[in-house]
Structure formats: C-alpha cells, structure tokens
Amino acid sequence: MSDEPIVLLFVKAPVKGQVKSRLARDLDEDLVQRLYESMALDTVDMLKAGGFSFRICFSPPDAFESVRDWLGQDHSYMPQIGDDLG
C-alpha cells in the first residue's frame, strides 16, 4: 500500500431523475442531468490539471461501463458498496 495521498471522487451514474434531486424540484430534469454531468467532468479535469492522484467511486455498483464511458477510460474506478458513504 502506498503512503501517497489520493482523492476519492464520489459520483452517481447520471440517470435523469436520480441526480441532484433538490435542484430538479425547481429546474427541468434534463437541465439538471446535464449540469450534474458537466460538474463531474469539470471536477475530473481540475484533478488532472492539478496533478492529483484520484479514484472515481461510482454508484450504483453495476454502472461501471456507463460511468467509464462518461468520465473517461484512463482513470481508476471503484464501485461504491453499501447503503451510504459510511
């Protein structure tokens, strides 16, 4: 195991109606989904530009291919398991 710090980026697969639900109460669901997708991509770009080591933790656990297609092939991915972040 390495002692090098690593950033864990937690994301949900960008499924309309299942991301940013509080925003979706006041905004169009399509807009909210696109906003969520863009914020996650911006975060990945920021981590890469800053030279940070990071791993993308995604939910649901069976969304690996769709999340990898969305955020890029050249990252480290790990499914989130359990009912919450704890």
N, C-alpha and C. Protein backbone atom coordinates (compact mmCIF):
# COMPACT_ATOMS: atom_id res chain seq x y z
N MET A 1 0.85 -1.18 0.00
CA MET A 1 0.00 0.00 0.00
C MET A 1 0.89 1.24 0.00
N SER A 2 0.50 2.24 -0.77
CA SER A 2 1.26 3.47 -0.90
C SER A 2 0.86 4.48 0.18
N ASP A 3 1.82 5.30 0.58
CA ASP A 3 1.53 6.37 1.53
C ASP A 3 1.14 7.67 0.82
N GLU A 4 1.13 7.64 -0.51
CA GLU A 4 0.79 8.84 -1.28
C GLU A 4 -0.70 9.16 -1.10
N PRO A 5 -1.01 10.43 -0.84
CA PRO A 5 -2.43 10.81 -0.71
C PRO A 5 -3.17 10.59 -2.03
N ILE A 6 -4.46 10.29 -1.91
CA ILE A 6 -5.30 10.11 -3.09
C ILE A 6 -6.66 10.75 -2.81
N VAL A 7 -7.22 11.37 -3.83
CA VAL A 7 -8.55 11.97 -3.73
C VAL A 7 -9.56 10.93 -4.19
N LEU A 8 -10.63 10.77 -3.42
CA LEU A 8 -11.74 9.91 -3.82
C LEU A 8 -12.86 10.81 -4.32
N LEU A 9 -13.25 10.63 -5.56
CA LEU A 9 -14.33 11.39 -6.16
C LEU A 9 -15.56 10.48 -6.23
N PHE A 10 -16.60 10.83 -5.50
CA PHE A 10 -17.82 10.04 -5.45
C PHE A 10 -18.82 10.58 -6.47
N VAL A 11 -19.30 9.70 -7.35
CA VAL A 11 -20.28 10.10 -8.35
C VAL A 11 -21.39 9.06 -8.44
N LYS A 12 -22.53 9.53 -8.91
CA LYS A 12 -23.63 8.64 -9.28
C LYS A 12 -23.67 8.59 -10.79
N ALA A 13 -24.10 7.46 -11.33
CA ALA A 13 -24.33 7.40 -12.77
C ALA A 13 -25.36 8.48 -13.10
N PRO A 14 -25.14 9.25 -14.15
CA PRO A 14 -26.02 10.39 -14.45
C PRO A 14 -27.35 9.97 -15.08
N VAL A 15 -28.23 9.44 -14.25
CA VAL A 15 -29.54 8.99 -14.71
C VAL A 15 -30.55 10.09 -14.40
N LYS A 16 -31.27 10.50 -15.42
CA LYS A 16 -32.25 11.57 -15.25
C LYS A 16 -33.22 11.22 -14.13
N GLY A 17 -33.43 12.18 -13.24
CA GLY A 17 -34.34 11.99 -12.12
C GLY A 17 -33.70 11.37 -10.90
N GLN A 18 -32.41 10.95 -11.02
CA GLN A 18 -31.74 10.32 -9.88
C GLN A 18 -30.52 11.09 -9.41
N VAL A 19 -30.25 12.24 -10.00
CA VAL A 19 -29.12 13.08 -9.57
C VAL A 19 -29.63 14.48 -9.29
N LYS A 20 -29.05 15.10 -8.28
CA LYS A 20 -29.37 16.49 -7.92
C LYS A 20 -30.87 16.70 -7.79
N SER A 21 -31.51 15.83 -7.00
CA SER A 21 -32.97 15.85 -6.90
C SER A 21 -33.51 17.14 -6.30
N ARG A 22 -32.76 17.79 -5.42
CA ARG A 22 -33.24 19.06 -4.88
C ARG A 22 -33.28 20.14 -5.94
N LEU A 23 -32.29 20.16 -6.82
CA LEU A 23 -32.32 21.11 -7.94
C LEU A 23 -33.47 20.80 -8.89
N ALA A 24 -33.74 19.52 -9.07
CA ALA A 24 -34.77 19.11 -10.02
C ALA A 24 -36.17 19.52 -9.56
N ARG A 25 -36.32 19.86 -8.30
CA ARG A 25 -37.63 20.34 -7.84
C ARG A 25 -37.99 21.66 -8.51
N ASP A 26 -36.96 22.47 -8.83
CA ASP A 26 -37.20 23.80 -9.39
C ASP A 26 -36.75 23.95 -10.84
N LEU A 27 -36.02 22.98 -11.36
CA LEU A 27 -35.49 23.07 -12.72
C LEU A 27 -35.88 21.84 -13.53
N ASP A 28 -35.78 21.96 -14.83
CA ASP A 28 -36.05 20.85 -15.73
C ASP A 28 -35.08 19.70 -15.48
N GLU A 29 -35.57 18.46 -15.45
CA GLU A 29 -34.73 17.29 -15.16
C GLU A 29 -33.60 17.11 -16.17
N ASP A 30 -33.87 17.41 -17.44
CA ASP A 30 -32.82 17.30 -18.46
C ASP A 30 -31.69 18.29 -18.18
N LEU A 31 -32.05 19.51 -17.82
CA LEU A 31 -31.07 20.54 -17.49
C LEU A 31 -30.26 20.11 -16.26
N VAL A 32 -30.93 19.59 -15.26
CA VAL A 32 -30.25 19.16 -14.04
C VAL A 32 -29.27 18.03 -14.33
N GLN A 33 -29.67 17.09 -15.16
CA GLN A 33 -28.78 15.99 -15.52
C GLN A 33 -27.54 16.50 -16.26
N ARG A 34 -27.74 17.40 -17.22
CA ARG A 34 -26.60 17.97 -17.97
C ARG A 34 -25.69 18.76 -17.04
N LEU A 35 -26.27 19.50 -16.11
CA LEU A 35 -25.49 20.26 -15.14
C LEU A 35 -24.64 19.32 -14.29
N TYR A 36 -25.24 18.25 -13.80
CA TYR A 36 -24.51 17.27 -12.99
C TYR A 36 -23.36 16.65 -13.79
N GLU A 37 -23.64 16.25 -15.02
CA GLU A 37 -22.60 15.66 -15.87
C GLU A 37 -21.45 16.63 -16.06
N SER A 38 -21.77 17.90 -16.31
CA SER A 38 -20.74 18.92 -16.53
C SER A 38 -19.93 19.18 -15.27
N MET A 39 -20.59 19.23 -14.12
CA MET A 39 -19.85 19.48 -12.86
C MET A 39 -18.87 18.35 -12.58
N ALA A 40 -19.28 17.11 -12.82
CA ALA A 40 -18.38 15.99 -12.58
C ALA A 40 -17.20 16.02 -13.55
N LEU A 41 -17.47 16.30 -14.82
CA LEU A 41 -16.38 16.40 -15.80
C LEU A 41 -15.42 17.53 -15.45
N ASP A 42 -15.95 18.67 -15.00
CA ASP A 42 -15.09 19.78 -14.57
C ASP A 42 -14.22 19.37 -13.38
N THR A 43 -14.78 18.61 -12.47
CA THR A 43 -14.01 18.16 -11.30
C THR A 43 -12.89 17.23 -11.72
N VAL A 44 -13.18 16.30 -12.62
CA VAL A 44 -12.14 15.39 -13.12
C VAL A 44 -11.04 16.20 -13.81
N ASP A 45 -11.42 17.16 -14.65
CA ASP A 45 -10.43 18.00 -15.33
C ASP A 45 -9.58 18.77 -14.33
N MET A 46 -10.19 19.30 -13.27
CA MET A 46 -9.46 20.04 -12.25
C MET A 46 -8.46 19.13 -11.53
N LEU A 47 -8.87 17.92 -11.19
CA LEU A 47 -7.96 16.99 -10.52
C LEU A 47 -6.79 16.63 -11.42
N LYS A 48 -7.07 16.38 -12.70
CA LYS A 48 -5.99 16.07 -13.63
C LYS A 48 -5.04 17.25 -13.79
N ALA A 49 -5.58 18.45 -13.97
CA ALA A 49 -4.75 19.64 -14.16
C ALA A 49 -3.89 19.93 -12.93
N GLY A 50 -4.41 19.61 -11.75
CA GLY A 50 -3.67 19.84 -10.51
C GLY A 50 -2.66 18.75 -10.21
N GLY A 51 -2.64 17.71 -11.00
CA GLY A 51 -1.68 16.63 -10.80
C GLY A 51 -2.03 15.72 -9.62
N PHE A 52 -3.30 15.72 -9.22
CA PHE A 52 -3.71 14.91 -8.09
C PHE A 52 -3.93 13.46 -8.51
N SER A 53 -3.55 12.53 -7.65
CA SER A 53 -3.94 11.14 -7.83
C SER A 53 -5.37 11.01 -7.34
N PHE A 54 -6.22 10.36 -8.14
CA PHE A 54 -7.60 10.23 -7.71
C PHE A 54 -8.21 8.92 -8.21
N ARG A 55 -9.23 8.51 -7.50
CA ARG A 55 -10.01 7.33 -7.86
C ARG A 55 -11.47 7.75 -7.90
N ILE A 56 -12.20 7.27 -8.87
CA ILE A 56 -13.61 7.59 -9.00
C ILE A 56 -14.42 6.44 -8.40
N CYS A 57 -15.16 6.77 -7.35
CA CYS A 57 -16.04 5.80 -6.67
C CYS A 57 -17.44 6.05 -7.20
N PHE A 58 -18.04 5.04 -7.81
CA PHE A 58 -19.31 5.25 -8.50
C PHE A 58 -20.43 4.40 -7.92
N SER A 59 -21.62 4.91 -8.15
CA SER A 59 -22.84 4.24 -7.72
C SER A 59 -23.85 4.35 -8.85
N PRO A 60 -24.65 3.34 -9.10
CA PRO A 60 -24.69 2.03 -8.47
C PRO A 60 -23.52 1.16 -8.94
N PRO A 61 -23.23 0.09 -8.19
CA PRO A 61 -22.06 -0.73 -8.49
C PRO A 61 -22.05 -1.35 -9.89
N ASP A 62 -23.21 -1.49 -10.52
CA ASP A 62 -23.25 -2.10 -11.85
C ASP A 62 -23.13 -1.08 -12.99
N ALA A 63 -22.80 0.16 -12.66
CA ALA A 63 -22.74 1.23 -13.66
C ALA A 63 -21.33 1.49 -14.18
N PHE A 64 -20.42 0.56 -13.99
CA PHE A 64 -19.02 0.80 -14.36
C PHE A 64 -18.87 1.26 -15.81
N GLU A 65 -19.43 0.53 -16.75
CA GLU A 65 -19.23 0.87 -18.17
C GLU A 65 -19.79 2.24 -18.51
N SER A 66 -20.98 2.56 -18.02
CA SER A 66 -21.56 3.86 -18.36
C SER A 66 -20.80 5.01 -17.71
N VAL A 67 -20.32 4.82 -16.49
CA VAL A 67 -19.54 5.86 -15.81
C VAL A 67 -18.19 6.03 -16.50
N ARG A 68 -17.55 4.93 -16.86
CA ARG A 68 -16.26 5.00 -17.56
C ARG A 68 -16.42 5.66 -18.92
N ASP A 69 -17.50 5.35 -19.63
CA ASP A 69 -17.74 5.98 -20.94
C ASP A 69 -17.96 7.49 -20.77
N TRP A 70 -18.59 7.89 -19.69
CA TRP A 70 -18.88 9.30 -19.41
C TRP A 70 -17.64 10.06 -18.97
N LEU A 71 -16.88 9.51 -18.02
CA LEU A 71 -15.77 10.26 -17.41
C LEU A 71 -14.40 9.94 -18.01
N GLY A 72 -14.30 8.88 -18.79
CA GLY A 72 -13.04 8.60 -19.46
C GLY A 72 -12.46 7.24 -19.09
N GLN A 73 -11.76 6.69 -20.04
CA GLN A 73 -11.20 5.34 -19.92
C GLN A 73 -9.94 5.27 -19.05
N ASP A 74 -9.24 6.38 -18.89
CA ASP A 74 -7.91 6.32 -18.29
C ASP A 74 -7.87 6.70 -16.81
N HIS A 75 -8.93 6.37 -16.09
CA HIS A 75 -8.98 6.65 -14.66
C HIS A 75 -9.13 5.35 -13.88
N SER A 76 -8.89 5.44 -12.60
CA SER A 76 -9.09 4.31 -11.70
C SER A 76 -10.51 4.40 -11.14
N TYR A 77 -11.25 3.28 -11.21
CA TYR A 77 -12.64 3.26 -10.77
C TYR A 77 -12.84 2.21 -9.69
N MET A 78 -13.80 2.49 -8.80
CA MET A 78 -14.14 1.55 -7.75
C MET A 78 -15.63 1.70 -7.44
N PRO A 79 -16.39 0.61 -7.46
CA PRO A 79 -17.82 0.72 -7.15
C PRO A 79 -18.04 1.03 -5.67
N GLN A 80 -19.07 1.82 -5.39
CA GLN A 80 -19.49 2.04 -4.02
C GLN A 80 -20.38 0.87 -3.63
N ILE A 81 -20.14 0.34 -2.46
CA ILE A 81 -20.93 -0.78 -1.98
C ILE A 81 -21.49 -0.40 -0.61
N GLY A 82 -22.76 -0.74 -0.38
CA GLY A 82 -23.41 -0.41 0.88
C GLY A 82 -24.51 0.60 0.66
N ASP A 83 -25.18 0.94 1.76
CA ASP A 83 -26.33 1.82 1.67
C ASP A 83 -25.99 3.29 1.79
N ASP A 84 -24.78 3.64 2.24
CA ASP A 84 -24.39 5.03 2.39
C ASP A 84 -22.87 5.14 2.33
N LEU A 85 -22.35 6.34 2.45
CA LEU A 85 -20.90 6.55 2.37
C LEU A 85 -20.16 5.94 3.56
N GLY A 86 -20.85 5.74 4.68
CA GLY A 86 -20.23 5.17 5.88
C GLY A 86 -19.82 3.75 5.63
